[in-house]
Amino acid sequence: MTQRIQEISQLDRLIHEPARLAIMLMLGGVGEADFLYLQREGGFTQGNLSGHLTKLEEAGYVAIEKKFKGKMPLTVCSLTGKGKTAFTEYSSRMLGVLQSNGSAG
């Protein structure tokens, strides 16, 4: 059990938070997405999503680009190379923890 607890403690806590995990999953699946898509699909409020994206951007996991579509402002988010690597590592560690569940008795 001690090894399993150690494995859990090594998970990237920034990604492990449920809302940020959802954002990483969505961006990993679609490549890039605009703010409204992430807000709608994730069920976030504007302020909540903005806060989580800021944390992911500060960590270098997400790139946020502000541009215009016609005259309408558009915020487009995507995973950076660092974000993809961190998410892949997080996923591998989480799978290892989940798969060791049956053998950690």
PDB file of N, CA and C in Angstrom:
ATOM      1  N   MET A   1       0.817  -1.199   0.000  1.00  0.00           N
ATOM      2  CA  MET A   1       0.000   0.000   0.000  1.00  0.00           C
ATOM      3  C   MET A   1       0.857   1.257   0.000  1.00  0.00           C
ATOM      4  N   THR A   2       1.998   1.231   0.655  1.00  0.00           N
ATOM      5  CA  THR A   2       2.875   2.388   0.708  1.00  0.00           C
ATOM      6  C   THR A   2       3.343   2.791  -0.683  1.00  0.00           C
ATOM      7  N   GLN A   3       3.677   1.817  -1.524  1.00  0.00           N
ATOM      8  CA  GLN A   3       4.119   2.116  -2.884  1.00  0.00           C
ATOM      9  C   GLN A   3       2.988   2.775  -3.673  1.00  0.00           C
ATOM     10  N   ARG A   4       1.768   2.305  -3.475  1.00  0.00           N
ATOM     11  CA  ARG A   4       0.626   2.873  -4.187  1.00  0.00           C
ATOM     12  C   ARG A   4       0.394   4.326  -3.764  1.00  0.00           C
ATOM     13  N   ILE A   5       0.502   4.594  -2.483  1.00  0.00           N
ATOM     14  CA  ILE A   5       0.348   5.965  -1.990  1.00  0.00           C
ATOM     15  C   ILE A   5       1.450   6.848  -2.563  1.00  0.00           C
ATOM     16  N   GLN A   6       2.649   6.313  -2.654  1.00  0.00           N
ATOM     17  CA  GLN A   6       3.763   7.066  -3.244  1.00  0.00           C
ATOM     18  C   GLN A   6       3.479   7.372  -4.716  1.00  0.00           C
ATOM     19  N   GLU A   7       2.937   6.392  -5.444  1.00  0.00           N
ATOM     20  CA  GLU A   7       2.595   6.605  -6.854  1.00  0.00           C
ATOM     21  C   GLU A   7       1.538   7.697  -6.996  1.00  0.00           C
ATOM     22  N   ILE A   8       0.548   7.681  -6.127  1.00  0.00           N
ATOM     23  CA  ILE A   8      -0.504   8.700  -6.172  1.00  0.00           C
ATOM     24  C   ILE A   8       0.070  10.079  -5.868  1.00  0.00           C
ATOM     25  N   SER A   9       0.977  10.146  -4.919  1.00  0.00           N
ATOM     26  CA  SER A   9       1.559  11.442  -4.547  1.00  0.00           C
ATOM     27  C   SER A   9       2.424  12.025  -5.658  1.00  0.00           C
ATOM     28  N   GLN A  10       2.835  11.199  -6.602  1.00  0.00           N
ATOM     29  CA  GLN A  10       3.668  11.670  -7.707  1.00  0.00           C
ATOM     30  C   GLN A  10       2.849  12.169  -8.901  1.00  0.00           C
ATOM     31  N   LEU A  11       1.530  12.083  -8.808  1.00  0.00           N
ATOM     32  CA  LEU A  11       0.689  12.609  -9.883  1.00  0.00           C
ATOM     33  C   LEU A  11       0.818  14.128  -9.944  1.00  0.00           C
ATOM     34  N   ASP A  12       0.760  14.670 -11.135  1.00  0.00           N
ATOM     35  CA  ASP A  12       0.829  16.119 -11.335  1.00  0.00           C
ATOM     36  C   ASP A  12      -0.456  16.738 -10.774  1.00  0.00           C
ATOM     37  N   ARG A  13      -0.353  17.408  -9.645  1.00  0.00           N
ATOM     38  CA  ARG A  13      -1.540  17.956  -8.972  1.00  0.00           C
ATOM     39  C   ARG A  13      -2.221  19.049  -9.791  1.00  0.00           C
ATOM     40  N   LEU A  14      -1.455  19.738 -10.604  1.00  0.00           N
ATOM     41  CA  LEU A  14      -2.046  20.774 -11.449  1.00  0.00           C
ATOM     42  C   LEU A  14      -3.039  20.152 -12.429  1.00  0.00           C
ATOM     43  N   ILE A  15      -2.672  19.029 -13.008  1.00  0.00           N
ATOM     44  CA  ILE A  15      -3.553  18.345 -13.958  1.00  0.00           C
ATOM     45  C   ILE A  15      -4.616  17.547 -13.214  1.00  0.00           C
ATOM     46  N   HIS A  16      -4.292  17.007 -12.063  1.00  0.00           N
ATOM     47  CA  HIS A  16      -5.187  16.101 -11.338  1.00  0.00           C
ATOM     48  C   HIS A  16      -6.484  16.777 -10.886  1.00  0.00           C
ATOM     49  N   GLU A  17      -6.481  18.086 -10.726  1.00  0.00           N
ATOM     50  CA  GLU A  17      -7.690  18.809 -10.325  1.00  0.00           C
ATOM     51  C   GLU A  17      -8.760  18.547 -11.394  1.00  0.00           C
ATOM     52  N   PRO A  18      -9.978  18.125 -11.022  1.00  0.00           N
ATOM     53  CA  PRO A  18     -10.974  17.679 -12.001  1.00  0.00           C
ATOM     54  C   PRO A  18     -11.268  18.641 -13.149  1.00  0.00           C
ATOM     55  N   ALA A  19     -11.408  19.924 -12.884  1.00  0.00           N
ATOM     56  CA  ALA A  19     -11.720  20.863 -13.964  1.00  0.00           C
ATOM     57  C   ALA A  19     -10.548  20.973 -14.939  1.00  0.00           C
ATOM     58  N   ARG A  20      -9.324  21.027 -14.410  1.00  0.00           N
ATOM     59  CA  ARG A  20      -8.159  21.131 -15.301  1.00  0.00           C
ATOM     60  C   ARG A  20      -7.928  19.832 -16.051  1.00  0.00           C
ATOM     61  N   LEU A  21      -8.225  18.710 -15.420  1.00  0.00           N
ATOM     62  CA  LEU A  21      -8.134  17.425 -16.115  1.00  0.00           C
ATOM     63  C   LEU A  21      -9.109  17.402 -17.296  1.00  0.00           C
ATOM     64  N   ALA A  22     -10.321  17.910 -17.079  1.00  0.00           N
ATOM     65  CA  ALA A  22     -11.314  17.966 -18.162  1.00  0.00           C
ATOM     66  C   ALA A  22     -10.822  18.852 -19.306  1.00  0.00           C
ATOM     67  N   ILE A  23     -10.220  19.990 -18.970  1.00  0.00           N
ATOM     68  CA  ILE A  23      -9.688  20.892 -19.999  1.00  0.00           C
ATOM     69  C   ILE A  23      -8.581  20.195 -20.787  1.00  0.00           C
ATOM     70  N   MET A  24      -7.667  19.540 -20.080  1.00  0.00           N
ATOM     71  CA  MET A  24      -6.570  18.836 -20.751  1.00  0.00           C
ATOM     72  C   MET A  24      -7.099  17.727 -21.648  1.00  0.00           C
ATOM     73  N   LEU A  25      -8.103  16.994 -21.176  1.00  0.00           N
ATOM     74  CA  LEU A  25      -8.705  15.929 -21.982  1.00  0.00           C
ATOM     75  C   LEU A  25      -9.341  16.494 -23.248  1.00  0.00           C
ATOM     76  N   MET A  26     -10.096  17.579 -23.096  1.00  0.00           N
ATOM     77  CA  MET A  26     -10.756  18.176 -24.269  1.00  0.00           C
ATOM     78  C   MET A  26      -9.731  18.682 -25.274  1.00  0.00           C
ATOM     79  N   LEU A  27      -8.737  19.417 -24.793  1.00  0.00           N
ATOM     80  CA  LEU A  27      -7.732  19.955 -25.715  1.00  0.00           C
ATOM     81  C   LEU A  27      -6.904  18.840 -26.346  1.00  0.00           C
ATOM     82  N   GLY A  28      -6.628  17.797 -25.584  1.00  0.00           N
ATOM     83  CA  GLY A  28      -5.891  16.663 -26.136  1.00  0.00           C
ATOM     84  C   GLY A  28      -6.682  15.955 -27.224  1.00  0.00           C
ATOM     85  N   GLY A  29      -7.999  15.978 -27.104  1.00  0.00           N
ATOM     86  CA  GLY A  29      -8.847  15.300 -28.076  1.00  0.00           C
ATOM     87  C   GLY A  29      -9.098  16.091 -29.348  1.00  0.00           C
ATOM     88  N   VAL A  30      -9.171  17.426 -29.229  1.00  0.00           N
ATOM     89  CA  VAL A  30      -9.520  18.234 -30.400  1.00  0.00           C
ATOM     90  C   VAL A  30      -8.363  19.049 -30.958  1.00  0.00           C
ATOM     91  N   GLY A  31      -7.250  19.093 -30.251  1.00  0.00           N
ATOM     92  CA  GLY A  31      -6.096  19.861 -30.736  1.00  0.00           C
ATOM     93  C   GLY A  31      -6.131  21.300 -30.265  1.00  0.00           C
ATOM     94  N   GLU A  32      -7.157  22.021 -30.642  1.00  0.00           N
ATOM     95  CA  GLU A  32      -7.356  23.382 -30.159  1.00  0.00           C
ATOM     96  C   GLU A  32      -8.850  23.647 -30.075  1.00  0.00           C
ATOM     97  N   ALA A  33      -9.207  24.550 -29.185  1.00  0.00           N
ATOM     98  CA  ALA A  33     -10.618  24.863 -28.993  1.00  0.00           C
ATOM     99  C   ALA A  33     -10.757  26.300 -28.538  1.00  0.00           C
ATOM    100  N   ASP A  34     -11.874  26.914 -28.909  1.00  0.00           N
ATOM    101  CA  ASP A  34     -12.097  28.270 -28.432  1.00  0.00           C
ATOM    102  C   ASP A  34     -12.715  28.240 -27.042  1.00  0.00           C
ATOM    103  N   PHE A  35     -12.637  29.368 -26.398  1.00  0.00           N
ATOM    104  CA  PHE A  35     -13.073  29.513 -25.010  1.00  0.00           C
ATOM    105  C   PHE A  35     -14.530  29.069 -24.836  1.00  0.00           C
ATOM    106  N   LEU A  36     -15.396  29.487 -25.752  1.00  0.00           N
ATOM    107  CA  LEU A  36     -16.822  29.161 -25.627  1.00  0.00           C
ATOM    108  C   LEU A  36     -17.078  27.657 -25.733  1.00  0.00           C
ATOM    109  N   TYR A  37     -16.323  26.982 -26.591  1.00  0.00           N
ATOM    110  CA  TYR A  37     -16.441  25.521 -26.710  1.00  0.00           C
ATOM    111  C   TYR A  37     -16.069  24.860 -25.387  1.00  0.00           C
ATOM    112  N   LEU A  38     -14.931  25.262 -24.825  1.00  0.00           N
ATOM    113  CA  LEU A  38     -14.495  24.683 -23.555  1.00  0.00           C
ATOM    114  C   LEU A  38     -15.499  24.981 -22.443  1.00  0.00           C
ATOM    115  N   GLN A  39     -16.020  26.197 -22.439  1.00  0.00           N
ATOM    116  CA  GLN A  39     -16.991  26.581 -21.418  1.00  0.00           C
ATOM    117  C   GLN A  39     -18.260  25.731 -21.532  1.00  0.00           C
ATOM    118  N   ARG A  40     -18.760  25.594 -22.736  1.00  0.00           N
ATOM    119  CA  ARG A  40     -19.997  24.837 -22.966  1.00  0.00           C
ATOM    120  C   ARG A  40     -19.805  23.352 -22.686  1.00  0.00           C
ATOM    121  N   GLU A  41     -18.774  22.764 -23.243  1.00  0.00           N
ATOM    122  CA  GLU A  41     -18.558  21.320 -23.108  1.00  0.00           C
ATOM    123  C   GLU A  41     -18.154  20.918 -21.692  1.00  0.00           C
ATOM    124  N   GLY A  42     -17.445  21.802 -21.003  1.00  0.00           N
ATOM    125  CA  GLY A  42     -16.996  21.488 -19.652  1.00  0.00           C
ATOM    126  C   GLY A  42     -17.973  21.904 -18.568  1.00  0.00           C
ATOM    127  N   GLY A  43     -19.009  22.669 -18.951  1.00  0.00           N
ATOM    128  CA  GLY A  43     -19.981  23.138 -17.976  1.00  0.00           C
ATOM    129  C   GLY A  43     -19.403  24.163 -17.006  1.00  0.00           C
ATOM    130  N   PHE A  44     -18.460  24.952 -17.474  1.00  0.00           N
ATOM    131  CA  PHE A  44     -17.789  25.942 -16.637  1.00  0.00           C
ATOM    132  C   PHE A  44     -18.499  27.284 -16.687  1.00  0.00           C
ATOM    133  N   THR A  45     -18.328  28.069 -15.631  1.00  0.00           N
ATOM    134  CA  THR A  45     -18.680  29.478 -15.715  1.00  0.00           C
ATOM    135  C   THR A  45     -17.511  30.171 -16.393  1.00  0.00           C
ATOM    136  N   GLN A  46     -17.733  31.370 -16.867  1.00  0.00           N
ATOM    137  CA  GLN A  46     -16.666  32.103 -17.544  1.00  0.00           C
ATOM    138  C   GLN A  46     -15.478  32.332 -16.612  1.00  0.00           C
ATOM    139  N   GLY A  47     -15.753  32.771 -15.391  1.00  0.00           N
ATOM    140  CA  GLY A  47     -14.675  33.049 -14.438  1.00  0.00           C
ATOM    141  C   GLY A  47     -13.919  31.801 -14.019  1.00  0.00           C
ATOM    142  N   ASN A  48     -14.652  30.698 -13.817  1.00  0.00           N
ATOM    143  CA  ASN A  48     -14.031  29.443 -13.410  1.00  0.00           C
ATOM    144  C   ASN A  48     -13.089  28.934 -14.499  1.00  0.00           C
ATOM    145  N   LEU A  49     -13.555  28.928 -15.739  1.00  0.00           N
ATOM    146  CA  LEU A  49     -12.727  28.460 -16.850  1.00  0.00           C
ATOM    147  C   LEU A  49     -11.511  29.357 -17.017  1.00  0.00           C
ATOM    148  N   SER A  50     -11.723  30.647 -16.923  1.00  0.00           N
ATOM    149  CA  SER A  50     -10.617  31.589 -17.075  1.00  0.00           C
ATOM    150  C   SER A  50      -9.536  31.341 -16.025  1.00  0.00           C
ATOM    151  N   GLY A  51      -9.950  31.107 -14.793  1.00  0.00           N
ATOM    152  CA  GLY A  51      -8.987  30.838 -13.721  1.00  0.00           C
ATOM    153  C   GLY A  51      -8.185  29.578 -13.954  1.00  0.00           C
ATOM    154  N   HIS A  52      -8.855  28.509 -14.383  1.00  0.00           N
ATOM    155  CA  HIS A  52      -8.155  27.249 -14.636  1.00  0.00           C
ATOM    156  C   HIS A  52      -7.221  27.363 -15.840  1.00  0.00           C
ATOM    157  N   LEU A  53      -7.664  28.059 -16.887  1.00  0.00           N
ATOM    158  CA  LEU A  53      -6.800  28.247 -18.058  1.00  0.00           C
ATOM    159  C   LEU A  53      -5.563  29.072 -17.691  1.00  0.00           C
ATOM    160  N   THR A  54      -5.736  30.052 -16.837  1.00  0.00           N
ATOM    161  CA  THR A  54      -4.602  30.870 -16.402  1.00  0.00           C
ATOM    162  C   THR A  54      -3.560  30.008 -15.693  1.00  0.00           C
ATOM    163  N   LYS A  55      -4.007  29.128 -14.812  1.00  0.00           N
ATOM    164  CA  LYS A  55      -3.070  28.246 -14.109  1.00  0.00           C
ATOM    165  C   LYS A  55      -2.349  27.319 -15.075  1.00  0.00           C
ATOM    166  N   LEU A  56      -3.080  26.778 -16.042  1.00  0.00           N
ATOM    167  CA  LEU A  56      -2.457  25.882 -17.026  1.00  0.00           C
ATOM    168  C   LEU A  56      -1.498  26.647 -17.934  1.00  0.00           C
ATOM    169  N   GLU A  57      -1.850  27.881 -18.272  1.00  0.00           N
ATOM    170  CA  GLU A  57      -0.973  28.705 -19.108  1.00  0.00           C
ATOM    171  C   GLU A  57       0.293  29.076 -18.336  1.00  0.00           C
ATOM    172  N   GLU A  58       0.159  29.446 -17.070  1.00  0.00           N
ATOM    173  CA  GLU A  58       1.321  29.804 -16.248  1.00  0.00           C
ATOM    174  C   GLU A  58       2.292  28.635 -16.103  1.00  0.00           C
ATOM    175  N   ALA A  59       1.763  27.411 -16.109  1.00  0.00           N
ATOM    176  CA  ALA A  59       2.602  26.220 -16.014  1.00  0.00           C
ATOM    177  C   ALA A  59       3.236  25.875 -17.361  1.00  0.00           C
ATOM    178  N   GLY A  60       2.804  26.549 -18.422  1.00  0.00           N
ATOM    179  CA  GLY A  60       3.325  26.258 -19.756  1.00  0.00           C
ATOM    180  C   GLY A  60       2.643  25.088 -20.424  1.00  0.00           C
ATOM    181  N   TYR A  61       1.497  24.651 -19.898  1.00  0.00           N
ATOM    182  CA  TYR A  61       0.784  23.500 -20.443  1.00  0.00           C
ATOM    183  C   TYR A  61      -0.182  23.881 -21.561  1.00  0.00           C
ATOM    184  N   VAL A  62      -0.673  25.114 -21.526  1.00  0.00           N
ATOM    185  CA  VAL A  62      -1.677  25.565 -22.491  1.00  0.00           C
ATOM    186  C   VAL A  62      -1.223  26.884 -23.099  1.00  0.00           C
ATOM    187  N   ALA A  63      -1.407  27.008 -24.403  1.00  0.00           N
ATOM    188  CA  ALA A  63      -1.164  28.271 -25.098  1.00  0.00           C
ATOM    189  C   ALA A  63      -2.521  28.919 -25.353  1.00  0.00           C
ATOM    190  N   ILE A  64      -2.612  30.208 -25.072  1.00  0.00           N
ATOM    191  CA  ILE A  64      -3.849  30.940 -25.274  1.00  0.00           C
ATOM    192  C   ILE A  64      -3.576  32.052 -26.267  1.00  0.00           C
ATOM    193  N   GLU A  65      -4.324  32.027 -27.359  1.00  0.00           N
ATOM    194  CA  GLU A  65      -4.150  33.023 -28.420  1.00  0.00           C
ATOM    195  C   GLU A  65      -5.434  33.829 -28.561  1.00  0.00           C
ATOM    196  N   LYS A  66      -5.306  35.125 -28.490  1.00  0.00           N
ATOM    197  CA  LYS A  66      -6.459  36.016 -28.658  1.00  0.00           C
ATOM    198  C   LYS A  66      -6.405  36.570 -30.077  1.00  0.00           C
ATOM    199  N   LYS A  67      -7.507  36.371 -30.806  1.00  0.00           N
ATOM    200  CA  LYS A  67      -7.576  36.877 -32.173  1.00  0.00           C
ATOM    201  C   LYS A  67      -9.008  37.281 -32.472  1.00  0.00           C
ATOM    202  N   PHE A  68      -9.267  37.595 -33.713  1.00  0.00           N
ATOM    203  CA  PHE A  68     -10.607  37.999 -34.116  1.00  0.00           C
ATOM    204  C   PHE A  68     -11.116  37.088 -35.223  1.00  0.00           C
ATOM    205  N   LYS A  69     -12.412  36.808 -35.182  1.00  0.00           N
ATOM    206  CA  LYS A  69     -13.105  36.112 -36.257  1.00  0.00           C
ATOM    207  C   LYS A  69     -14.098  37.133 -36.794  1.00  0.00           C
ATOM    208  N   GLY A  70     -13.705  37.751 -37.905  1.00  0.00           N
ATOM    209  CA  GLY A  70     -14.446  38.911 -38.368  1.00  0.00           C
ATOM    210  C   GLY A  70     -14.192  40.034 -37.384  1.00  0.00           C
ATOM    211  N   LYS A  71     -15.260  40.553 -36.790  1.00  0.00           N
ATOM    212  CA  LYS A  71     -15.105  41.605 -35.783  1.00  0.00           C
ATOM    213  C   LYS A  71     -15.300  41.082 -34.363  1.00  0.00           C
ATOM    214  N   MET A  72     -15.495  39.791 -34.240  1.00  0.00           N
ATOM    215  CA  MET A  72     -15.734  39.178 -32.936  1.00  0.00           C
ATOM    216  C   MET A  72     -14.422  38.667 -32.327  1.00  0.00           C
ATOM    217  N   PRO A  73     -14.164  39.002 -31.050  1.00  0.00           N
ATOM    218  CA  PRO A  73     -12.964  38.468 -30.399  1.00  0.00           C
ATOM    219  C   PRO A  73     -13.075  36.960 -30.206  1.00  0.00           C
ATOM    220  N   LEU A  74     -11.967  36.284 -30.334  1.00  0.00           N
ATOM    221  CA  LEU A  74     -11.938  34.829 -30.232  1.00  0.00           C
ATOM    222  C   LEU A  74     -10.699  34.426 -29.439  1.00  0.00           C
ATOM    223  N   THR A  75     -10.898  33.631 -28.405  1.00  0.00           N
ATOM    224  CA  THR A  75      -9.797  33.122 -27.600  1.00  0.00           C
ATOM    225  C   THR A  75      -9.643  31.641 -27.913  1.00  0.00           C
ATOM    226  N   VAL A  76      -8.489  31.273 -28.456  1.00  0.00           N
ATOM    227  CA  VAL A  76      -8.232  29.888 -28.859  1.00  0.00           C
ATOM    228  C   VAL A  76      -7.167  29.290 -27.950  1.00  0.00           C
ATOM    229  N   CYS A  77      -7.450  28.091 -27.445  1.00  0.00           N
ATOM    230  CA  CYS A  77      -6.555  27.413 -26.513  1.00  0.00           C
ATOM    231  C   CYS A  77      -6.058  26.111 -27.126  1.00  0.00           C
ATOM    232  N   SER A  78      -4.829  25.762 -26.833  1.00  0.00           N
ATOM    233  CA  SER A  78      -4.262  24.489 -27.289  1.00  0.00           C
ATOM    234  C   SER A  78      -3.205  24.027 -26.297  1.00  0.00           C
ATOM    235  N   LEU A  79      -2.927  22.727 -26.309  1.00  0.00           N
ATOM    236  CA  LEU A  79      -1.860  22.197 -25.469  1.00  0.00           C
ATOM    237  C   LEU A  79      -0.523  22.546 -26.097  1.00  0.00           C
ATOM    238  N   THR A  80       0.429  22.897 -25.278  1.00  0.00           N
ATOM    239  CA  THR A  80       1.796  23.123 -25.751  1.00  0.00           C
ATOM    240  C   THR A  80       2.513  21.769 -25.780  1.00  0.00           C
ATOM    241  N   GLY A  81       3.717  21.749 -26.295  1.00  0.00           N
ATOM    242  CA  GLY A  81       4.511  20.523 -26.249  1.00  0.00           C
ATOM    243  C   GLY A  81       4.720  20.069 -24.811  1.00  0.00           C
ATOM    244  N   LYS A  82       5.008  21.019 -23.929  1.00  0.00           N
ATOM    245  CA  LYS A  82       5.184  20.715 -22.508  1.00  0.00           C
ATOM    246  C   LYS A  82       3.890  20.158 -21.920  1.00  0.00           C
ATOM    247  N   GLY A  83       2.750  20.724 -22.332  1.00  0.00           N
ATOM    248  CA  GLY A  83       1.459  20.256 -21.852  1.00  0.00           C
ATOM    249  C   GLY A  83       1.150  18.842 -22.315  1.00  0.00           C
ATOM    250  N   LYS A  84       1.471  18.548 -23.567  1.00  0.00           N
ATOM    251  CA  LYS A  84       1.245  17.196 -24.089  1.00  0.00           C
ATOM    252  C   LYS A  84       2.103  16.182 -23.345  1.00  0.00           C
ATOM    253  N   THR A  85       3.365  16.544 -23.108  1.00  0.00           N
ATOM    254  CA  THR A  85       4.274  15.661 -22.377  1.00  0.00           C
ATOM    255  C   THR A  85       3.778  15.438 -20.953  1.00  0.00           C
ATOM    256  N   ALA A  86       3.383  16.518 -20.283  1.00  0.00           N
ATOM    257  CA  ALA A  86       2.898  16.418 -18.903  1.00  0.00           C
ATOM    258  C   ALA A  86       1.629  15.568 -18.846  1.00  0.00           C
ATOM    259  N   PHE A  87       0.743  15.735 -19.818  1.00  0.00           N
ATOM    260  CA  PHE A  87      -0.505  14.981 -19.819  1.00  0.00           C
ATOM    261  C   PHE A  87      -0.249  13.498 -20.108  1.00  0.00           C
ATOM    262  N   THR A  88       0.672  13.206 -20.995  1.00  0.00           N
ATOM    263  CA  THR A  88       1.036  11.821 -21.290  1.00  0.00           C
ATOM    264  C   THR A  88       1.627  11.155 -20.045  1.00  0.00           C
ATOM    265  N   GLU A  89       2.503  11.878 -19.356  1.00  0.00           N
ATOM    266  CA  GLU A  89       3.110  11.342 -18.133  1.00  0.00           C
ATOM    267  C   GLU A  89       2.047  11.148 -17.046  1.00  0.00           C
ATOM    268  N   TYR A  90       1.175  12.121 -16.902  1.00  0.00           N
ATOM    269  CA  TYR A  90       0.091  12.015 -15.916  1.00  0.00           C
ATOM    270  C   TYR A  90      -0.772  10.782 -16.219  1.00  0.00           C
ATOM    271  N   SER A  91      -1.142  10.625 -17.488  1.00  0.00           N
ATOM    272  CA  SER A  91      -1.991   9.501 -17.897  1.00  0.00           C
ATOM    273  C   SER A  91      -1.322   8.160 -17.606  1.00  0.00           C
ATOM    274  N   SER A  92      -0.044   8.056 -17.905  1.00  0.00           N
ATOM    275  CA  SER A  92       0.698   6.817 -17.647  1.00  0.00           C
ATOM    276  C   SER A  92       0.745   6.502 -16.163  1.00  0.00           C
ATOM    277  N   ARG A  93       1.030   7.529 -15.360  1.00  0.00           N
ATOM    278  CA  ARG A  93       1.078   7.326 -13.908  1.00  0.00           C
ATOM    279  C   ARG A  93      -0.293   6.928 -13.362  1.00  0.00           C
ATOM    280  N   MET A  94      -1.340   7.596 -13.843  1.00  0.00           N
ATOM    281  CA  MET A  94      -2.683   7.291 -13.362  1.00  0.00           C
ATOM    282  C   MET A  94      -3.078   5.867 -13.754  1.00  0.00           C
ATOM    283  N   LEU A  95      -2.762   5.463 -14.963  1.00  0.00           N
ATOM    284  CA  LEU A  95      -3.051   4.083 -15.374  1.00  0.00           C
ATOM    285  C   LEU A  95      -2.300   3.086 -14.507  1.00  0.00           C
ATOM    286  N   GLY A  96      -1.058   3.394 -14.183  1.00  0.00           N
ATOM    287  CA  GLY A  96      -0.272   2.523 -13.313  1.00  0.00           C
ATOM    288  C   GLY A  96      -0.909   2.401 -11.939  1.00  0.00           C
ATOM    289  N   VAL A  97      -1.383   3.496 -11.398  1.00  0.00           N
ATOM    290  CA  VAL A  97      -2.044   3.468 -10.092  1.00  0.00           C
ATOM    291  C   VAL A  97      -3.318   2.634 -10.172  1.00  0.00           C
ATOM    292  N   LEU A  98      -4.105   2.862 -11.205  1.00  0.00           N
ATOM    293  CA  LEU A  98      -5.367   2.137 -11.348  1.00  0.00           C
ATOM    294  C   LEU A  98      -5.147   0.643 -11.581  1.00  0.00           C
ATOM    295  N   GLN A  99      -4.142   0.301 -12.378  1.00  0.00           N
ATOM    296  CA  GLN A  99      -3.869  -1.112 -12.655  1.00  0.00           C
ATOM    297  C   GLN A  99      -3.275  -1.814 -11.457  1.00  0.00           C
ATOM    298  N   SER A 100      -2.602  -1.088 -10.583  1.00  0.00           N
ATOM    299  CA  SER A 100      -2.017  -1.737  -9.400  1.00  0.00           C
ATOM    300  C   SER A 100      -3.061  -1.922  -8.295  1.00  0.00           C
ATOM    301  N   ASN A 101      -4.257  -1.424  -8.505  1.00  0.00           N
ATOM    302  CA  ASN A 101      -5.317  -1.508  -7.511  1.00  0.00           C
ATOM    303  C   ASN A 101      -5.595  -2.937  -7.075  1.00  0.00           C
ATOM    304  N   GLY A 102      -5.715  -3.836  -8.030  1.00  0.00           N
ATOM    305  CA  GLY A 102      -6.022  -5.224  -7.704  1.00  0.00           C
ATOM    306  C   GLY A 102      -4.864  -5.963  -7.058  1.00  0.00           C
ATOM    307  N   SER A 103      -3.634  -5.570  -7.367  1.00  0.00           N
ATOM    308  CA  SER A 103      -2.481  -6.295  -6.842  1.00  0.00           C
ATOM    309  C   SER A 103      -1.936  -5.703  -5.551  1.00  0.00           C
ATOM    310  N   ALA A 104      -2.490  -4.574  -5.119  1.00  0.00           N
ATOM    311  CA  ALA A 104      -1.966  -3.904  -3.918  1.00  0.00           C
ATOM    312  C   ALA A 104      -2.777  -4.310  -2.696  1.00  0.00           C
ATOM    313  N   GLY A 105      -2.862  -5.535  -2.406  1.00  0.00           N
ATOM    314  CA  GLY A 105      -3.732  -5.944  -1.342  1.00  0.00           C
ATOM    315  C   GLY A 105      -3.030  -6.223  -0.107  1.00  0.00           C
TER     316      GLY A 105
END
